Amino acid sequence: MVVHKGGCHCGNVRFEVDAPADLALSECNCSICRMCGYQHLKVPRSAFRLLQGEEALSCYQFNTGIARHYFCRQCGIKSFYVPRSHPDGISVNGRCIDGTGVDSVTLTPFDGQNWEENVHKLGPLPK
């Protein structure tokens, strides 16, 4: 495991996340992920630490209201959120990780347009 650092574009929001150096990300084609180019790194909540910027965050919820999409009010970047599929975890945007400590990235497509039929393919959060 490596401690990856990242954040939003303007730097108001900064985080750390414990994850392997070889990142396994998923790219969803649902309405919001497709539009913002989100690449998911799902982790247990205990593996994520918000270092700064809680006061800079706004939250957007839609549809079922389970997912909590946090974005920086200054620059608009969504660097992490609480996913509907794993409300006990965090999904970090792989595009918002600084890059130091990353050896490789594997990107797997996920058919989020048909979420109900495919959510079982996501599996549990990593330990």
C-alpha atoms as a PDB file:
ATOM      1  CA  MET A   1       0.000   0.000   0.000  1.00  0.00           C
ATOM      2  CA  VAL A   2       1.047   3.539  -0.789  1.00  0.00           C
ATOM      3  CA  VAL A   3      -0.230   6.843   0.564  1.00  0.00           C
ATOM      4  CA  HIS A   4      -1.411   8.770  -2.490  1.00  0.00           C
ATOM      5  CA  LYS A   5      -2.047  12.501  -2.229  1.00  0.00           C
ATOM      6  CA  GLY A   6      -4.398  14.512  -4.366  1.00  0.00           C
ATOM      7  CA  GLY A   7      -6.997  17.209  -4.509  1.00  0.00           C
ATOM      8  CA  CYS A   8      -8.959  19.636  -6.614  1.00  0.00           C
ATOM      9  CA  HIS A   9      -7.660  21.985  -9.309  1.00  0.00           C
ATOM     10  CA  CYS A  10      -7.368  25.137  -7.173  1.00  0.00           C
ATOM     11  CA  GLY A  11      -5.806  23.298  -4.222  1.00  0.00           C
ATOM     12  CA  ASN A  12      -8.478  24.168  -1.672  1.00  0.00           C
ATOM     13  CA  VAL A  13      -9.368  20.473  -1.245  1.00  0.00           C
ATOM     14  CA  ARG A  14      -6.536  18.045  -0.405  1.00  0.00           C
ATOM     15  CA  PHE A  15      -6.732  14.392   0.582  1.00  0.00           C
ATOM     16  CA  GLU A  16      -4.694  11.253   1.191  1.00  0.00           C
ATOM     17  CA  VAL A  17      -5.767   7.753   0.259  1.00  0.00           C
ATOM     18  CA  ASP A  18      -4.179   4.386   1.037  1.00  0.00           C
ATOM     19  CA  ALA A  19      -4.155   2.276  -2.129  1.00  0.00           C
ATOM     20  CA  PRO A  20      -1.787   0.066  -4.100  1.00  0.00           C
ATOM     21  CA  ALA A  21       0.890   1.620  -6.322  1.00  0.00           C
ATOM     22  CA  ASP A  22      -0.778  -0.239  -9.212  1.00  0.00           C
ATOM     23  CA  LEU A  23      -4.144   1.504  -9.367  1.00  0.00           C
ATOM     24  CA  ALA A  24      -7.206  -0.402 -10.593  1.00  0.00           C
ATOM     25  CA  LEU A  25      -9.701   2.263 -11.675  1.00  0.00           C
ATOM     26  CA  SER A  26     -13.124   1.942 -13.253  1.00  0.00           C
ATOM     27  CA  GLU A  27     -14.682   4.314 -15.753  1.00  0.00           C
ATOM     28  CA  CYS A  28     -18.455   4.543 -15.568  1.00  0.00           C
ATOM     29  CA  ASN A  29     -20.726   5.709 -18.376  1.00  0.00           C
ATOM     30  CA  CYS A  30     -23.625   6.863 -16.182  1.00  0.00           C
ATOM     31  CA  SER A  31     -24.942  10.374 -16.729  1.00  0.00           C
ATOM     32  CA  ILE A  32     -22.738  12.169 -14.179  1.00  0.00           C
ATOM     33  CA  CYS A  33     -19.522  10.128 -14.489  1.00  0.00           C
ATOM     34  CA  ARG A  34     -19.543  10.306 -18.286  1.00  0.00           C
ATOM     35  CA  MET A  35     -19.986  14.068 -18.248  1.00  0.00           C
ATOM     36  CA  CYS A  36     -17.202  14.764 -15.756  1.00  0.00           C
ATOM     37  CA  GLY A  37     -14.758  12.026 -16.867  1.00  0.00           C
ATOM     38  CA  TYR A  38     -14.626  10.450 -13.419  1.00  0.00           C
ATOM     39  CA  GLN A  39     -12.266   7.494 -12.882  1.00  0.00           C
ATOM     40  CA  HIS A  40     -13.209   5.548  -9.738  1.00  0.00           C
ATOM     41  CA  LEU A  41     -10.836   4.286  -7.095  1.00  0.00           C
ATOM     42  CA  LYS A  42     -13.159   2.802  -4.486  1.00  0.00           C
ATOM     43  CA  VAL A  43     -11.707   2.413  -1.006  1.00  0.00           C
ATOM     44  CA  PRO A  44     -12.971   1.827   2.533  1.00  0.00           C
ATOM     45  CA  ARG A  45     -13.704   5.070   4.376  1.00  0.00           C
ATOM     46  CA  SER A  46     -10.812   4.269   6.735  1.00  0.00           C
ATOM     47  CA  ALA A  47      -8.370   4.475   3.795  1.00  0.00           C
ATOM     48  CA  PHE A  48      -9.372   8.070   2.944  1.00  0.00           C
ATOM     49  CA  ARG A  49      -8.385  11.221   4.818  1.00  0.00           C
ATOM     50  CA  LEU A  50      -9.576  14.704   3.947  1.00  0.00           C
ATOM     51  CA  LEU A  51      -6.585  16.895   4.833  1.00  0.00           C
ATOM     52  CA  GLN A  52      -8.084  20.283   4.058  1.00  0.00           C
ATOM     53  CA  GLY A  53     -11.004  21.958   2.391  1.00  0.00           C
ATOM     54  CA  GLU A  54     -14.096  20.605   4.098  1.00  0.00           C
ATOM     55  CA  GLU A  55     -15.460  24.155   4.195  1.00  0.00           C
ATOM     56  CA  ALA A  56     -14.789  24.517   0.426  1.00  0.00           C
ATOM     57  CA  LEU A  57     -16.998  21.544  -0.474  1.00  0.00           C
ATOM     58  CA  SER A  58     -20.555  21.528  -1.752  1.00  0.00           C
ATOM     59  CA  CYS A  59     -22.613  18.363  -2.098  1.00  0.00           C
ATOM     60  CA  TYR A  60     -24.800  17.371  -5.024  1.00  0.00           C
ATOM     61  CA  GLN A  61     -27.342  14.544  -4.768  1.00  0.00           C
ATOM     62  CA  PHE A  62     -29.784  13.304  -7.397  1.00  0.00           C
ATOM     63  CA  ASN A  63     -31.990  10.331  -8.288  1.00  0.00           C
ATOM     64  CA  THR A  64     -32.018   8.077  -5.178  1.00  0.00           C
ATOM     65  CA  GLY A  65     -30.077  10.623  -3.100  1.00  0.00           C
ATOM     66  CA  ILE A  66     -27.787   7.913  -1.721  1.00  0.00           C
ATOM     67  CA  ALA A  67     -24.589   9.032  -3.467  1.00  0.00           C
ATOM     68  CA  ARG A  68     -23.060  12.241  -2.149  1.00  0.00           C
ATOM     69  CA  HIS A  69     -21.083  14.010  -4.865  1.00  0.00           C
ATOM     70  CA  TYR A  70     -18.701  16.479  -3.214  1.00  0.00           C
ATOM     71  CA  PHE A  71     -17.109  19.181  -5.336  1.00  0.00           C
ATOM     72  CA  CYS A  72     -15.002  22.256  -4.670  1.00  0.00           C
ATOM     73  CA  ARG A  73     -17.100  25.431  -4.764  1.00  0.00           C
ATOM     74  CA  GLN A  74     -14.094  27.380  -6.096  1.00  0.00           C
ATOM     75  CA  CYS A  75     -12.960  25.278  -9.082  1.00  0.00           C
ATOM     76  CA  GLY A  76     -15.848  22.794  -9.455  1.00  0.00           C
ATOM     77  CA  ILE A  77     -13.703  19.647  -9.373  1.00  0.00           C
ATOM     78  CA  LYS A  78     -15.150  16.485  -7.838  1.00  0.00           C
ATOM     79  CA  SER A  79     -12.076  14.786  -6.375  1.00  0.00           C
ATOM     80  CA  PHE A  80     -14.027  12.247  -4.283  1.00  0.00           C
ATOM     81  CA  TYR A  81     -17.564  11.210  -3.389  1.00  0.00           C
ATOM     82  CA  VAL A  82     -19.597   8.678  -1.435  1.00  0.00           C
ATOM     83  CA  PRO A  83     -20.847   6.165  -4.043  1.00  0.00           C
ATOM     84  CA  ARG A  84     -24.331   4.716  -4.194  1.00  0.00           C
ATOM     85  CA  SER A  85     -22.815   1.262  -4.730  1.00  0.00           C
ATOM     86  CA  HIS A  86     -20.710   1.466  -1.549  1.00  0.00           C
ATOM     87  CA  PRO A  87     -22.200   4.122   0.775  1.00  0.00           C
ATOM     88  CA  ASP A  88     -19.825   2.955   3.521  1.00  0.00           C
ATOM     89  CA  GLY A  89     -16.803   3.775   1.340  1.00  0.00           C
ATOM     90  CA  ILE A  90     -15.296   6.549  -0.751  1.00  0.00           C
ATOM     91  CA  SER A  91     -14.634   6.775  -4.465  1.00  0.00           C
ATOM     92  CA  VAL A  92     -11.582   8.894  -5.242  1.00  0.00           C
ATOM     93  CA  ASN A  93     -11.256  10.373  -8.713  1.00  0.00           C
ATOM     94  CA  GLY A  94      -8.104   8.799 -10.146  1.00  0.00           C
ATOM     95  CA  ARG A  95      -7.626  11.930 -12.241  1.00  0.00           C
ATOM     96  CA  CYS A  96      -7.206  13.932  -9.005  1.00  0.00           C
ATOM     97  CA  ILE A  97      -4.350  11.837  -7.589  1.00  0.00           C
ATOM     98  CA  ASP A  98      -1.062  13.738  -7.835  1.00  0.00           C
ATOM     99  CA  GLY A  99       0.715  10.800  -9.482  1.00  0.00           C
ATOM    100  CA  THR A 100       3.698  10.289  -7.209  1.00  0.00           C
ATOM    101  CA  GLY A 101       3.790   6.696  -6.034  1.00  0.00           C
ATOM    102  CA  VAL A 102       1.674   5.433  -8.957  1.00  0.00           C
ATOM    103  CA  ASP A 103       3.422   2.598 -10.796  1.00  0.00           C
ATOM    104  CA  SER A 104       0.609   1.744 -13.202  1.00  0.00           C
ATOM    105  CA  VAL A 105      -3.074   2.356 -13.909  1.00  0.00           C
ATOM    106  CA  THR A 106      -5.560  -0.206 -15.168  1.00  0.00           C
ATOM    107  CA  LEU A 107      -8.840   1.254 -16.374  1.00  0.00           C
ATOM    108  CA  THR A 108     -11.912  -0.993 -16.585  1.00  0.00           C
ATOM    109  CA  PRO A 109     -15.178   0.189 -18.146  1.00  0.00           C
ATOM    110  CA  PHE A 110     -18.379  -0.072 -16.102  1.00  0.00           C
ATOM    111  CA  ASP A 111     -21.869   0.141 -17.633  1.00  0.00           C
ATOM    112  CA  GLY A 112     -23.459   2.582 -15.220  1.00  0.00           C
ATOM    113  CA  GLN A 113     -26.160   3.503 -17.735  1.00  0.00           C
ATOM    114  CA  ASN A 114     -27.631   0.142 -16.728  1.00  0.00           C
ATOM    115  CA  TRP A 115     -26.619   0.435 -13.076  1.00  0.00           C
ATOM    116  CA  GLU A 116     -29.194  -1.899 -11.527  1.00  0.00           C
ATOM    117  CA  GLU A 117     -28.249  -4.738 -13.886  1.00  0.00           C
ATOM    118  CA  ASN A 118     -24.500  -4.268 -13.379  1.00  0.00           C
ATOM    119  CA  VAL A 119     -23.894  -3.102  -9.800  1.00  0.00           C
ATOM    120  CA  HIS A 120     -23.201  -6.688  -8.689  1.00  0.00           C
ATOM    121  CA  LYS A 121     -20.111  -6.665 -10.957  1.00  0.00           C
ATOM    122  CA  LEU A 122     -18.481  -4.016  -8.770  1.00  0.00           C
ATOM    123  CA  GLY A 123     -17.916  -6.427  -5.896  1.00  0.00           C
ATOM    124  CA  PRO A 124     -17.059  -5.404  -2.332  1.00  0.00           C
ATOM    125  CA  LEU A 125     -14.696  -2.641  -1.294  1.00  0.00           C
ATOM    126  CA  PRO A 126     -11.049  -3.721  -1.036  1.00  0.00           C
ATOM    127  CA  LYS A 127      -9.773  -4.471   2.456  1.00  0.00           C
END
